[in-house]
Every structure is written in C-alpha cells, then in structure tokens.
Amino acid sequence: MNDTTHSDSRPNSRRDFLVKAGATSAAAVIATSFVGRAAAQPVATSYLTSKDPSTDPLFVSATKLAQMIRNKQITAVEAVTRCYARIDQVNPKINAVVAFCRERALAEAKLADESLAAGKILGPLHGVPFTIKDSFDTEGVVSTGGTLGRKDFIPGKDATIVARVRKAGAILLGKTNTPEFTLGGGARGTYNLVYGQTYNPYKEHYNPSGSSGGAGAIVAAGGAYFDLGSDYGGSIRGPAFNNGIAGIKPTYGRTPRTGHIVDYGGPFDNFQETGPLARRVEDLYLLLSIIGGPDNLDAAMAPVPLGDPGKVDLKKLRIAYYTTDGFNKENDPTAQIQDLVKKTVGYFSDLGAKVTEDRPPQMKELADTRKKYSDADGGDHMRRLLKKHGTTQASPGLNVGDGTELPSADFTRLLEEMDAIKSEQLSWFAQYDLIICPAAKEPAQIVPPEFKRKQGAGGGGYTSEYNTTGWPGGVVRVGASADGLPIGVQVVGQPWRDDVVIAALSHIESKTGGWQKPPI
C-alpha cells in the first residue's frame, strides 16, 4: 500500500499536489478560485438551515457545519484541522485519500475566516472541507484518474463541478481513490496501479465498492463532509450502499462532466452522470443545487430547474417496488435486503401513499442490449483513453476488449433497440412517481485477490438499469448486516424529479437514522 500519511514537506512527492508557491501566490490562487459561475438557481432557504441532530462538529452534515461556521460556533481553520486529524487517523487502514493539499487548504480556511470576520460570506458552503474523487481535474493538484500515464499530471483548471463547490466556499482537502478511468477495479472495487487498494471503514479488508470508493469510505469515516463522484453503472450508489452514506445519481443532463477523466462526448457518454456523496440526505439537495446546470461545454446538459424537496407531498406519491430483478436468480438480493426494501416501502404506505409491487418491463433485454452496445467497438474507446493519457500498463481489472468489432449496422441497430426499450419503460413509469428497490444484492464483501471483470459490467445490475434510462436514483442507509456492514435501499424518480427522490430519501433517513459512525 502506498504511504498515505506523508508530510507535506516532501515537495517532489506526487501526492504533494500544490504547485510550489509562497503565501502571496497561494492567496492569489484562493482569490481567483471563487471567481466563476454561480449556482444553477438559488438554494431554497429551508435547506440552508440544517435538520441534522448530530452535535459533534466532525460528524455533522455539511449543511450544519456551514451553518455553524456562519454563526461563528467553529472556524473554517478548526474544521479543516479536525478533518486532517481524522484522515491521518483512519487513512492508513483504508487508503481512501491518496493526495493532500494541506498548506493550501489551511490558507483558504484562514482567508475564509477573515472574510467572515469582515462580514462577507463566500457562499452556502463557506469554509466546509471536502474531498474530490481523483477522476476529476483539480487546478494545481495532481489528478491521476487512477492511470499511470497521469501519475504526475497537474491540471491548469478545475472540473466544472469542482469549480462550482469551491466558488460556493468549500475547501478542498485532497483527492480520493478511484479505479483506473473509474472502470478498472474489476471485482476489487476501488483499486489502481497508481495508489493501490481502498478498503471499507466498517470492516477491515472489506470492499468500499467503486468507482467512488475512496469518496464513500472517507465521507463515512468522517474525514470529509462531502465528496463528488461519477456514476456510469452505480459508481455513486454502490459506494453509498457499501459505506452507509447518502448519494444521488441525478437525472442525465443535470450535472456537467467537463473535466472528468472519462469526459463528455461519444456514443457511451449518456450512461454517465456526476453527483454528490454525503453522510446526510439534506446535503444532497444543497450540493446538487450548486453543481447542476449547463456549463456551455458539455452539450448534453439542460437548464432544468431543481425542485425543492421540501415541497413534495409524500402522501400523494405513487410508488412501485421490487425486491429482485426478476431475471437472474444468482443476482437476487439477500433475504435481509429484500425485507428491508419491503420495510422501507411501509414508511410510505403508512403515510397513505399508493404502493404497488411492480418493476419496469424488459429490464433483462435492456441490460443485454446495453452490454452488446458497449462492447461493439471491441474496446477501442478504452484503448484510445490509454493512448490519450500515455498509459502503457493498464490495471488488470480494466476491460480493453479483444479488438473484435461489430459492423456499424449492428451498432446502430443496438442503439435503436435500446431506445425502444427505454421508451417503453418511460411509458410504464407514467403511472408511478417513484421506484423503491435494492441497490445491491449483498452487503460489502471481503476484497478478493483476483481482478476478474464483474459479471454484467456495463449492462445488468440494480443500479446500471437507471444509468441506461438516465433516471435519477439515490441511496440511503436503512440497516446493517449481522456483522455490522451497512445496507441501503435505492430510490428512483421520473426524469428531472430529483427533488422527489431526495424527499423520499430524507423520509427514509428520518425513520432509520441513516448514516452511523463506523468503528474505525
């Protein structure tokens, strides 16, 4: 395992990701970091006031910490210092944070405190420390994307969503581990040849899932108040499930992917979204309000306003639920997970919501078609990524294909078939407002020694269905296995009704307690 507790006094380390700068130039970087695009729309006032009952400043929600900083109950410097102390405590065991910028973060925190003392609030995240998945570019900070060709790469600008949370006042602590190109961890979850394996904070040597595994692990462990992830087949929702936190994959087209290692553009880009991971559901709305909206670069983005979850009438919801995918017995969730899905549904029927056991049609057909479509170019898109970033040795879990390509006529036919099924599923969904279902078939498992590609990668599973449709889906913790590993449920909404998803997740959290502090 790589050294994760080094001192920032080593200027040549690739984990030492602040470009050499004195105090004057650091201040200049900070001053310009808050210049840029504002939030997509105003944040609802109710969501600037936290409902989190937690009292320990290290483990409160991002929303509550921001409130505490604004009220001068804690300083930004204190918040950053406490986060680094917690990271130093847990990171040697979980290897979640793979690069640090302590000097810059503390300088930013000092300026945030000085700004507040002068009566100026930088934004709704004023002084809140966060980490960012290493698949996103960060200005002046090494950004590897988990691939060896970029092990020393320092971008000149932030990815769009990183720039937006920094402009809102958040302070970057460091980068969190991800598999190569977010896709190369295989059965090991979050692993790459640059930084090695990340582990789950709830049980030693267990899988944090991927590809936002480092993000999920450190947020769950209390080392950061939030992280931002990407989700191509469950890469936000899987880590939220395995690490017992909250996360949302928004509607396709809401949050830009500009500056992500697998960027926008190309035939496969409509499977991927970016979104937040946090300990508390209330943070998902706040963060989504800040990072959403077009950036005039990612052409798939749409200027659709984000609704206020506080205005959703839960009693009037029409909910479909299922406990298995109905086509793969080997993929059936454990009895406990199925029972917890049913128990969760009861939280809504108790309110008077209409609940029906049902699931989208042709889930197997959609999964199979996406799998064939994703493999149609014989892995050439992945080999182009390796070449683009100068990587000659790929992680063993990365699927680079065998070069066998389908004829272009088959490629276009598969796209037509996939769209036809998506249209049928969308018509089916018109009779419901929400779907409640599993996010995984079992709690986190021990990290295996092999790197075999996961079955159904790019197609099947309980989460990737909703990458193919583009519908918003979130996960929140609802219980734990007998050995203390978190278990969550997935909530899926109609397109652009991310607000309904968050409202439902919040109700579930109020009934179950949501995130629980890990023993680490």
Protein backbone atom coordinates (compact mmCIF):
# COMPACT_ATOMS: atom_id res chain seq x y z
CA MET A 1 0.00 0.00 0.00
CA ASN A 2 1.18 3.49 -0.78
CA ASP A 3 2.21 5.79 2.03
CA THR A 4 -0.87 7.85 2.85
CA THR A 5 0.41 9.77 5.86
CA HIS A 6 3.42 11.59 4.47
CA SER A 7 4.34 15.11 5.45
CA ASP A 8 3.68 17.96 3.05
CA SER A 9 7.37 18.84 3.45
CA ARG A 10 8.22 16.46 0.57
CA PRO A 11 7.96 18.77 -2.46
CA ASN A 12 8.73 16.09 -5.04
CA SER A 13 6.03 13.62 -3.99
CA ARG A 14 3.19 13.23 -6.48
CA ARG A 15 0.85 13.37 -3.50
CA ASP A 16 2.19 16.82 -2.71
CA PHE A 17 -0.16 18.43 -5.15
CA LEU A 18 0.03 22.13 -4.51
CA VAL A 19 2.26 23.73 -7.10
CA LYS A 20 5.24 25.31 -5.35
CA ALA A 21 4.00 28.67 -4.17
CA GLY A 22 4.64 31.11 -1.39
CA ALA A 23 1.99 32.67 0.78
CA THR A 24 1.45 35.51 -1.70
CA SER A 25 0.81 33.24 -4.69
CA ALA A 26 -1.35 30.91 -2.58
CA ALA A 27 -3.53 33.89 -1.67
CA ALA A 28 -3.79 34.76 -5.36
CA VAL A 29 -4.95 31.21 -6.16
CA ILE A 30 -7.58 31.42 -3.43
CA ALA A 31 -8.77 34.83 -4.60
CA THR A 32 -9.35 33.57 -8.13
CA SER A 33 -10.86 30.23 -7.08
CA PHE A 34 -14.13 31.90 -6.16
CA VAL A 35 -14.43 33.69 -9.49
CA GLY A 36 -16.66 31.86 -11.94
CA ARG A 37 -20.14 30.51 -12.41
CA ALA A 38 -22.74 30.86 -9.68
CA ALA A 39 -25.15 28.11 -8.64
CA ALA A 40 -27.72 26.97 -11.21
CA GLN A 41 -30.52 28.56 -9.18
CA PRO A 42 -30.99 29.94 -5.67
CA VAL A 43 -30.87 27.32 -2.92
CA ALA A 44 -34.18 27.05 -1.07
CA THR A 45 -33.80 28.91 2.22
CA SER A 46 -35.13 25.95 4.21
CA TYR A 47 -32.18 23.87 3.08
CA LEU A 48 -29.64 26.34 4.40
CA THR A 49 -30.95 25.52 7.88
CA SER A 50 -29.85 22.07 8.96
CA LYS A 51 -32.14 19.47 10.49
CA ASP A 52 -29.20 17.24 11.46
CA PRO A 53 -29.45 16.33 15.17
CA SER A 54 -25.73 15.48 15.41
CA THR A 55 -23.62 17.60 17.76
CA ASP A 56 -20.01 16.51 17.18
CA PRO A 57 -18.63 19.10 14.71
CA LEU A 58 -16.55 16.44 12.98
CA PHE A 59 -19.58 14.31 12.08
CA VAL A 60 -22.33 16.85 11.41
CA SER A 61 -23.70 17.34 7.91
CA ALA A 62 -22.06 19.77 5.51
CA THR A 63 -25.17 21.91 5.75
CA LYS A 64 -24.93 22.06 9.54
CA LEU A 65 -21.19 22.75 9.52
CA ALA A 66 -21.72 25.64 7.11
CA GLN A 67 -24.40 26.97 9.46
CA MET A 68 -22.07 26.60 12.46
CA ILE A 69 -19.28 28.45 10.62
CA ARG A 70 -21.62 31.27 9.62
CA ASN A 71 -22.78 31.50 13.25
CA LYS A 72 -19.12 31.53 14.39
CA GLN A 73 -19.54 28.41 16.51
CA ILE A 74 -16.48 26.93 14.78
CA THR A 75 -13.91 28.40 12.42
CA ALA A 76 -13.01 27.10 8.99
CA VAL A 77 -9.44 26.58 10.20
CA GLU A 78 -10.70 24.40 13.05
CA ALA A 79 -12.89 22.39 10.64
CA VAL A 80 -10.03 21.78 8.21
CA THR A 81 -7.61 20.89 11.03
CA ARG A 82 -10.05 18.38 12.52
CA CYS A 83 -10.64 16.74 9.15
CA TYR A 84 -6.93 16.27 8.55
CA ALA A 85 -6.50 14.81 12.03
CA ARG A 86 -9.30 12.33 11.31
CA ILE A 87 -7.85 11.45 7.90
CA ASP A 88 -4.45 10.84 9.49
CA GLN A 89 -6.14 8.53 11.99
CA VAL A 90 -8.13 6.37 9.56
CA ASN A 91 -6.37 6.62 6.21
CA PRO A 92 -3.51 4.19 6.96
CA LYS A 93 -6.21 1.49 7.30
CA ILE A 94 -8.49 2.37 4.38
CA ASN A 95 -6.26 4.21 1.85
CA ALA A 96 -9.13 6.46 0.78
CA VAL A 97 -7.39 9.83 0.42
CA VAL A 98 -4.49 9.50 -2.00
CA ALA A 99 -3.22 13.08 -2.23
CA PHE A 100 -3.21 16.07 0.11
CA CYS A 101 -3.01 19.88 -0.18
CA ARG A 102 -2.79 20.81 3.49
CA GLU A 103 -0.95 24.09 3.07
CA ARG A 104 -3.39 25.43 0.51
CA ALA A 105 -6.44 24.18 2.41
CA LEU A 106 -5.33 25.84 5.63
CA ALA A 107 -4.54 29.06 3.77
CA GLU A 108 -8.00 29.03 2.20
CA ALA A 109 -9.58 28.34 5.59
CA LYS A 110 -7.72 31.29 7.11
CA LEU A 111 -8.95 33.58 4.35
CA ALA A 112 -12.50 32.24 4.77
CA ASP A 113 -12.39 33.12 8.46
CA GLU A 114 -11.01 36.58 7.70
CA SER A 115 -13.72 37.09 5.11
CA LEU A 116 -16.45 36.11 7.59
CA ALA A 117 -14.97 38.45 10.20
CA ALA A 118 -15.25 41.23 7.62
CA GLY A 119 -18.92 40.39 7.09
CA LYS A 120 -18.56 38.57 3.75
CA ILE A 121 -19.90 35.05 3.24
CA LEU A 122 -18.30 33.31 0.27
CA GLY A 123 -21.30 31.09 -0.43
CA PRO A 124 -23.57 28.41 1.03
CA LEU A 125 -20.56 26.13 1.63
CA HIS A 126 -18.41 28.81 3.27
CA GLY A 127 -15.47 27.06 4.95
CA VAL A 128 -16.76 23.48 4.51
CA PRO A 129 -13.91 20.97 3.89
CA PHE A 130 -14.41 18.36 1.15
CA THR A 131 -12.51 15.77 -0.85
CA ILE A 132 -12.88 15.03 -4.54
CA LYS A 133 -12.73 11.79 -6.48
CA ASP A 134 -9.41 11.57 -8.32
CA SER A 135 -11.20 11.19 -11.65
CA PHE A 136 -11.93 14.95 -11.62
CA ASP A 137 -9.39 17.60 -12.59
CA THR A 138 -8.33 19.95 -9.80
CA GLU A 139 -6.37 23.11 -10.54
CA GLY A 140 -2.82 22.93 -9.22
CA VAL A 141 -3.46 19.48 -7.78
CA VAL A 142 -2.27 16.15 -9.16
CA SER A 143 -5.18 14.38 -10.88
CA THR A 144 -4.36 10.85 -11.99
CA GLY A 145 -7.71 9.32 -12.86
CA GLY A 146 -6.12 6.16 -11.49
CA THR A 147 -3.97 5.70 -14.59
CA LEU A 148 -0.17 5.52 -14.61
CA GLY A 149 0.19 7.88 -17.56
CA ARG A 150 -1.17 10.71 -15.38
CA LYS A 151 0.55 9.89 -12.09
CA ASP A 152 2.23 13.32 -12.10
CA PHE A 153 -0.36 15.29 -14.09
CA ILE A 154 -1.36 18.67 -12.61
CA PRO A 155 -4.30 20.34 -14.42
CA GLY A 156 -4.47 24.07 -15.02
CA LYS A 157 -8.15 24.32 -14.10
CA ASP A 158 -10.84 22.62 -12.03
CA ALA A 159 -13.51 20.36 -13.44
CA THR A 160 -16.79 22.27 -13.68
CA ILE A 161 -18.43 20.80 -10.60
CA VAL A 162 -15.26 21.21 -8.55
CA ALA A 163 -15.06 24.87 -9.55
CA ARG A 164 -18.69 25.34 -8.53
CA VAL A 165 -18.37 23.98 -4.99
CA ARG A 166 -15.15 25.94 -4.47
CA LYS A 167 -16.87 29.10 -5.67
CA ALA A 168 -19.61 28.32 -3.12
CA GLY A 169 -16.94 28.48 -0.39
CA ALA A 170 -15.94 24.83 0.06
CA ILE A 171 -12.28 23.98 0.79
CA LEU A 172 -10.54 21.10 -0.97
CA LEU A 173 -8.62 18.75 1.34
CA GLY A 174 -7.39 16.19 -1.16
CA LYS A 175 -8.22 13.54 -3.74
CA THR A 176 -9.93 10.20 -3.15
CA ASN A 177 -9.04 6.92 -4.78
CA THR A 178 -10.80 5.56 -7.86
CA PRO A 179 -10.12 2.65 -10.22
CA GLU A 180 -8.37 3.39 -13.49
CA PHE A 181 -10.64 5.59 -15.64
CA THR A 182 -13.28 4.75 -12.93
CA LEU A 183 -13.71 1.37 -14.67
CA GLY A 184 -10.61 -0.71 -13.92
CA GLY A 185 -11.19 -2.06 -10.41
CA GLY A 186 -12.97 -5.20 -11.50
CA ALA A 187 -14.20 -7.34 -8.60
CA ARG A 188 -11.84 -5.48 -6.24
CA GLY A 189 -13.90 -2.29 -6.36
CA THR A 190 -11.58 0.71 -5.91
CA TYR A 191 -8.08 -0.31 -6.99
CA ASN A 192 -5.49 1.02 -9.42
CA LEU A 193 -1.77 0.70 -10.15
CA VAL A 194 -1.05 4.25 -9.01
CA TYR A 195 -2.37 4.16 -5.43
CA GLY A 196 -3.43 0.57 -4.76
CA GLN A 197 -6.49 -0.73 -2.93
CA THR A 198 -9.07 1.20 -0.89
CA TYR A 199 -10.95 -0.52 1.95
CA ASN A 200 -14.25 -0.16 3.78
CA PRO A 201 -14.19 1.71 7.12
CA TYR A 202 -16.77 -0.64 8.68
CA LYS A 203 -14.73 -3.84 8.42
CA GLU A 204 -11.04 -4.44 7.76
CA HIS A 205 -10.15 -5.60 4.24
CA TYR A 206 -13.74 -5.26 3.00
CA ASN A 207 -14.79 -3.64 -0.26
CA PRO A 208 -15.92 0.02 -0.32
CA SER A 209 -17.36 -0.61 -3.82
CA GLY A 210 -16.43 1.56 -6.76
CA SER A 211 -15.74 3.61 -8.54
CA SER A 212 -16.27 6.38 -5.99
CA GLY A 213 -14.98 4.03 -3.29
CA GLY A 214 -12.41 6.38 -1.81
CA ALA A 215 -15.07 9.08 -1.67
CA GLY A 216 -17.59 6.84 0.08
CA ALA A 217 -15.04 5.49 2.55
CA ILE A 218 -13.62 8.82 3.74
CA VAL A 219 -17.00 10.55 3.97
CA ALA A 220 -18.37 7.63 6.01
CA ALA A 221 -15.27 7.72 8.25
CA GLY A 222 -15.66 11.44 8.99
CA GLY A 223 -12.60 12.71 7.12
CA ALA A 224 -14.58 14.94 4.76
CA TYR A 225 -18.05 16.47 4.83
CA PHE A 226 -18.81 15.51 1.24
CA ASP A 227 -17.27 14.29 -1.98
CA LEU A 228 -18.34 14.43 -5.61
CA GLY A 229 -18.46 11.25 -7.64
CA SER A 230 -19.31 9.96 -11.09
CA ASP A 231 -21.73 7.14 -11.88
CA TYR A 232 -21.56 5.03 -15.05
CA GLY A 233 -23.23 1.88 -13.69
CA GLY A 234 -23.62 2.53 -9.97
CA SER A 235 -20.40 4.29 -9.03
CA ILE A 236 -22.09 6.74 -6.65
CA ARG A 237 -24.87 4.48 -5.41
CA GLY A 238 -22.64 1.42 -4.85
CA PRO A 239 -20.21 3.25 -2.53
CA ALA A 240 -23.16 4.93 -0.77
CA PHE A 241 -24.61 1.46 -0.14
CA ASN A 242 -21.37 -0.21 0.96
CA ASN A 243 -20.28 2.68 3.19
CA GLY A 244 -23.66 3.52 4.70
CA ILE A 245 -23.93 7.11 3.45
CA ALA A 246 -26.27 9.01 1.12
CA GLY A 247 -25.62 9.59 -2.56
CA ILE A 248 -27.53 10.54 -5.68
CA LYS A 249 -27.00 9.99 -9.38
CA PRO A 250 -29.01 12.87 -10.82
CA THR A 251 -31.05 12.89 -13.99
CA TYR A 252 -28.90 12.60 -17.09
CA GLY A 253 -28.27 16.14 -18.29
CA ARG A 254 -28.34 17.90 -14.93
CA THR A 255 -24.66 17.97 -13.85
CA PRO A 256 -21.73 18.56 -16.25
CA ARG A 257 -18.94 16.04 -16.75
CA THR A 258 -16.44 18.61 -18.03
CA GLY A 259 -13.02 17.88 -16.52
CA HIS A 260 -13.77 14.24 -15.71
CA ILE A 261 -11.26 11.58 -16.80
CA VAL A 262 -13.98 9.99 -18.97
CA ASP A 263 -15.22 13.26 -20.43
CA TYR A 264 -18.45 14.16 -22.19
CA GLY A 265 -18.91 13.20 -25.84
CA GLY A 266 -19.04 9.96 -27.78
CA PRO A 267 -21.56 7.13 -28.05
CA PHE A 268 -21.27 5.93 -24.44
CA ASP A 269 -21.39 9.27 -22.61
CA ASN A 270 -25.15 9.17 -21.98
CA PHE A 271 -24.66 6.45 -19.34
CA GLN A 272 -22.66 8.73 -17.04
CA GLU A 273 -23.67 11.39 -14.52
CA THR A 274 -21.85 13.23 -11.74
CA GLY A 275 -23.28 13.79 -8.28
CA PRO A 276 -22.71 14.19 -4.54
CA LEU A 277 -21.98 11.77 -1.69
CA ALA A 278 -22.54 12.87 1.92
CA ARG A 279 -23.40 11.47 5.32
CA ARG A 280 -26.80 13.17 5.43
CA VAL A 281 -29.53 13.44 2.80
CA GLU A 282 -30.01 17.16 3.43
CA ASP A 283 -26.60 17.76 1.82
CA LEU A 284 -27.63 16.14 -1.46
CA TYR A 285 -30.08 18.91 -2.31
CA LEU A 286 -27.70 21.67 -1.28
CA LEU A 287 -24.85 20.22 -3.33
CA LEU A 288 -26.99 19.37 -6.36
CA SER A 289 -28.27 22.96 -6.36
CA ILE A 290 -24.68 24.18 -6.61
CA ILE A 291 -23.19 21.77 -9.15
CA GLY A 292 -26.14 21.49 -11.54
CA GLY A 293 -26.86 23.37 -14.74
CA PRO A 294 -25.19 23.80 -18.15
CA ASP A 295 -21.58 24.96 -18.38
CA ASN A 296 -21.66 25.68 -22.13
CA LEU A 297 -19.17 22.88 -22.73
CA ASP A 298 -20.95 19.60 -22.02
CA ALA A 299 -23.52 19.68 -24.82
CA ALA A 300 -25.87 17.17 -23.17
CA MET A 301 -26.74 19.46 -20.25
CA ALA A 302 -30.20 21.02 -19.96
CA PRO A 303 -31.26 24.13 -17.99
CA VAL A 304 -33.95 22.36 -15.98
CA PRO A 305 -34.55 23.88 -12.53
CA LEU A 306 -34.12 21.64 -9.48
CA GLY A 307 -37.32 21.43 -7.47
CA ASP A 308 -37.43 21.93 -3.70
CA PRO A 309 -37.75 18.54 -1.93
CA GLY A 310 -39.45 20.32 0.97
CA LYS A 311 -42.48 20.92 -1.25
CA VAL A 312 -43.02 17.25 -2.18
CA ASP A 313 -46.24 15.78 -0.72
CA LEU A 314 -45.17 12.27 0.28
CA LYS A 315 -48.77 11.19 0.98
CA LYS A 316 -49.68 11.56 -2.68
CA LEU A 317 -46.82 9.53 -4.12
CA ARG A 318 -47.47 6.51 -6.32
CA ILE A 319 -44.71 4.02 -5.59
CA ALA A 320 -43.64 0.86 -7.40
CA TYR A 321 -41.28 -1.51 -5.61
CA TYR A 322 -39.46 -4.73 -6.34
CA THR A 323 -37.06 -6.90 -4.36
CA THR A 324 -35.43 -8.86 -7.23
CA ASP A 325 -34.68 -8.02 -10.84
CA GLY A 326 -36.79 -11.00 -11.93
CA PHE A 327 -34.38 -12.45 -14.45
CA ASN A 328 -31.22 -13.59 -12.70
CA LYS A 329 -31.62 -15.76 -9.60
CA GLU A 330 -27.88 -15.54 -8.91
CA ASN A 331 -28.33 -11.79 -8.62
CA ASP A 332 -31.21 -11.98 -6.12
CA PRO A 333 -30.50 -9.89 -3.01
CA THR A 334 -30.17 -11.50 0.40
CA ALA A 335 -33.35 -12.12 2.35
CA GLN A 336 -32.42 -9.29 4.72
CA ILE A 337 -32.05 -6.78 1.90
CA GLN A 338 -35.38 -7.84 0.41
CA ASP A 339 -37.05 -7.49 3.82
CA LEU A 340 -35.54 -4.04 4.31
CA VAL A 341 -36.89 -2.92 0.91
CA LYS A 342 -40.38 -4.02 2.00
CA LYS A 343 -39.96 -2.31 5.37
CA THR A 344 -38.91 0.88 3.63
CA VAL A 345 -41.97 0.78 1.40
CA GLY A 346 -44.04 0.60 4.59
CA TYR A 347 -42.77 4.01 5.67
CA PHE A 348 -44.70 5.46 2.72
CA SER A 349 -47.80 3.30 2.83
CA ASP A 350 -48.16 4.36 6.48
CA LEU A 351 -48.46 7.94 5.20
CA GLY A 352 -51.19 6.99 2.75
CA ALA A 353 -49.02 6.72 -0.38
CA LYS A 354 -50.17 4.23 -3.02
CA VAL A 355 -47.75 1.28 -3.14
CA THR A 356 -47.66 -1.42 -5.85
CA GLU A 357 -45.27 -4.32 -6.36
CA ASP A 358 -44.07 -3.80 -9.92
CA ARG A 359 -40.92 -3.21 -11.95
CA PRO A 360 -40.02 -1.76 -15.35
CA PRO A 361 -40.62 -4.05 -18.35
CA GLN A 362 -37.77 -5.60 -20.32
CA MET A 363 -35.05 -4.99 -17.75
CA LYS A 364 -33.13 -8.05 -18.93
CA GLU A 365 -33.46 -7.04 -22.56
CA LEU A 366 -32.22 -3.54 -21.82
CA ALA A 367 -29.25 -4.87 -19.85
CA ASP A 368 -28.32 -7.33 -22.60
CA THR A 369 -28.64 -4.70 -25.33
CA ARG A 370 -26.52 -2.18 -23.46
CA LYS A 371 -23.86 -4.84 -22.86
CA LYS A 372 -23.65 -5.65 -26.57
CA TYR A 373 -23.69 -1.96 -27.47
CA SER A 374 -20.91 -1.13 -25.01
CA ASP A 375 -18.73 -3.94 -26.38
CA ALA A 376 -19.48 -3.19 -30.03
CA ASP A 377 -16.22 -1.38 -30.80
CA GLY A 378 -14.09 -4.17 -29.35
CA GLY A 379 -12.73 -1.98 -26.56
CA ASP A 380 -11.27 0.61 -28.92
CA HIS A 381 -12.66 3.50 -26.85
CA MET A 382 -10.76 2.21 -23.83
CA ARG A 383 -7.55 1.76 -25.79
CA ARG A 384 -7.91 5.33 -27.05
CA LEU A 385 -8.17 6.53 -23.44
CA LEU A 386 -4.97 4.70 -22.53
CA LYS A 387 -3.17 6.21 -25.52
CA LYS A 388 -4.55 9.70 -24.86
CA HIS A 389 -3.12 9.73 -21.33
CA GLY A 390 0.15 7.98 -22.15
CA THR A 391 -0.55 4.81 -20.18
CA THR A 392 1.28 1.71 -21.39
CA GLN A 393 0.37 -0.58 -18.47
CA ALA A 394 -3.34 -0.87 -17.71
CA SER A 395 -4.80 -2.02 -14.40
CA PRO A 396 -5.57 -5.76 -14.53
CA GLY A 397 -9.28 -5.15 -13.96
CA LEU A 398 -9.65 -2.81 -16.94
CA ASN A 399 -11.55 -4.26 -19.90
CA VAL A 400 -9.60 -3.25 -23.00
CA GLY A 401 -11.50 -5.65 -25.27
CA ASP A 402 -10.14 -8.06 -27.83
CA GLY A 403 -10.46 -5.81 -30.87
CA THR A 404 -13.47 -7.68 -32.26
CA GLU A 405 -15.80 -5.04 -33.65
CA LEU A 406 -19.41 -5.36 -34.70
CA PRO A 407 -20.39 -3.96 -38.11
CA SER A 408 -21.68 -0.38 -37.95
CA ALA A 409 -25.13 -1.61 -38.99
CA ASP A 410 -25.29 -3.77 -35.84
CA PHE A 411 -24.08 -0.86 -33.72
CA THR A 412 -26.86 1.43 -34.92
CA ARG A 413 -29.44 -1.37 -34.62
CA LEU A 414 -28.48 -1.91 -30.98
CA LEU A 415 -28.88 1.80 -30.29
CA GLU A 416 -32.36 1.72 -31.84
CA GLU A 417 -33.31 -1.34 -29.77
CA MET A 418 -32.05 0.28 -26.58
CA ASP A 419 -34.01 3.47 -27.25
CA ALA A 420 -37.17 1.49 -27.99
CA ILE A 421 -36.96 -0.30 -24.64
CA LYS A 422 -36.23 2.96 -22.82
CA SER A 423 -39.32 4.48 -24.42
CA GLU A 424 -41.45 1.53 -23.29
CA GLN A 425 -40.08 1.82 -19.75
CA LEU A 426 -40.75 5.55 -19.70
CA SER A 427 -44.39 4.94 -20.66
CA TRP A 428 -44.63 2.35 -17.89
CA PHE A 429 -43.23 4.85 -15.37
CA ALA A 430 -46.01 7.37 -16.12
CA GLN A 431 -48.26 5.53 -13.64
CA TYR A 432 -45.77 5.99 -10.77
CA ASP A 433 -43.75 8.74 -9.11
CA LEU A 434 -41.06 6.58 -7.51
CA ILE A 435 -39.42 3.18 -7.59
CA ILE A 436 -38.00 1.64 -4.40
CA CYS A 437 -35.70 -1.32 -4.94
CA PRO A 438 -32.35 -2.85 -3.92
CA ALA A 439 -29.08 -1.12 -4.76
CA ALA A 440 -27.01 -4.31 -4.45
CA LYS A 441 -27.54 -8.00 -3.81
CA GLU A 442 -25.45 -8.19 -0.62
CA PRO A 443 -23.52 -6.05 1.87
CA ALA A 444 -19.84 -5.28 1.28
CA GLN A 445 -17.70 -8.37 0.82
CA ILE A 446 -14.03 -9.00 1.52
CA VAL A 447 -11.74 -7.70 -1.23
CA PRO A 448 -10.86 -10.69 -3.45
CA PRO A 449 -7.30 -11.33 -4.62
CA GLU A 450 -8.29 -11.62 -8.29
CA PHE A 451 -9.10 -8.88 -10.79
CA LYS A 452 -11.72 -10.62 -12.90
CA ARG A 453 -14.22 -8.37 -14.59
CA LYS A 454 -17.54 -8.23 -12.76
CA GLN A 455 -20.42 -10.10 -14.39
CA GLY A 456 -22.79 -7.83 -16.24
CA ALA A 457 -20.42 -4.86 -16.24
CA GLY A 458 -21.87 -2.17 -18.47
CA GLY A 459 -25.31 -3.75 -18.53
CA GLY A 460 -27.04 -5.63 -15.72
CA GLY A 461 -27.41 -4.99 -12.04
CA TYR A 462 -29.76 -3.00 -9.84
CA THR A 463 -28.10 0.35 -10.45
CA SER A 464 -26.93 0.35 -14.08
CA GLU A 465 -30.53 -0.04 -15.29
CA TYR A 466 -31.01 3.60 -14.31
CA ASN A 467 -27.81 4.78 -15.97
CA THR A 468 -29.22 3.39 -19.20
CA THR A 469 -32.56 5.16 -18.73
CA GLY A 470 -30.95 8.29 -17.29
CA TRP A 471 -33.49 8.48 -14.44
CA PRO A 472 -32.38 9.96 -11.09
CA GLY A 473 -31.55 7.44 -8.36
CA GLY A 474 -30.31 7.75 -4.81
CA VAL A 475 -29.27 5.51 -1.93
CA VAL A 476 -29.55 5.88 1.84
CA ARG A 477 -28.64 3.52 4.68
CA VAL A 478 -31.57 1.61 6.24
CA GLY A 479 -29.86 -1.04 8.36
CA ALA A 480 -26.85 -3.28 8.87
CA SER A 481 -25.88 -6.90 8.41
CA ALA A 482 -25.20 -9.19 11.37
CA ASP A 483 -21.52 -8.25 11.27
CA GLY A 484 -22.16 -4.50 11.14
CA LEU A 485 -21.85 -3.75 7.43
CA PRO A 486 -24.24 -1.08 6.14
CA ILE A 487 -27.27 -1.88 3.99
CA GLY A 488 -29.11 0.72 1.93
CA VAL A 489 -32.05 0.97 -0.43
CA GLN A 490 -32.34 2.66 -3.81
CA VAL A 491 -34.97 5.25 -4.68
CA VAL A 492 -35.53 6.13 -8.36
CA GLY A 493 -37.60 9.02 -9.73
CA GLN A 494 -39.06 10.14 -13.01
CA PRO A 495 -36.76 12.22 -15.24
CA TRP A 496 -35.94 15.62 -13.69
CA ARG A 497 -37.74 14.76 -10.44
CA ASP A 498 -34.55 14.60 -8.42
CA ASP A 499 -36.45 16.58 -5.79
CA VAL A 500 -38.90 13.70 -5.27
CA VAL A 501 -36.00 11.26 -4.89
CA ILE A 502 -34.33 13.46 -2.26
CA ALA A 503 -37.63 13.99 -0.40
CA ALA A 504 -38.14 10.22 -0.24
CA LEU A 505 -34.55 9.58 0.86
CA SER A 506 -34.98 12.17 3.61
CA HIS A 507 -38.15 10.48 4.88
CA ILE A 508 -36.41 7.10 4.91
CA GLU A 509 -33.45 8.59 6.79
CA SER A 510 -35.81 10.04 9.40
CA LYS A 511 -37.17 6.55 10.04
CA THR A 512 -33.92 4.57 10.02
CA GLY A 513 -31.37 7.07 11.33
CA GLY A 514 -29.30 6.91 8.12
CA TRP A 515 -25.52 7.02 8.48
CA GLN A 516 -23.95 5.54 11.61
CA LYS A 517 -20.37 6.17 12.71
CA PRO A 518 -18.02 3.30 11.74
CA PRO A 519 -15.91 1.54 14.39
CA ILE A 520 -12.63 2.59 12.77
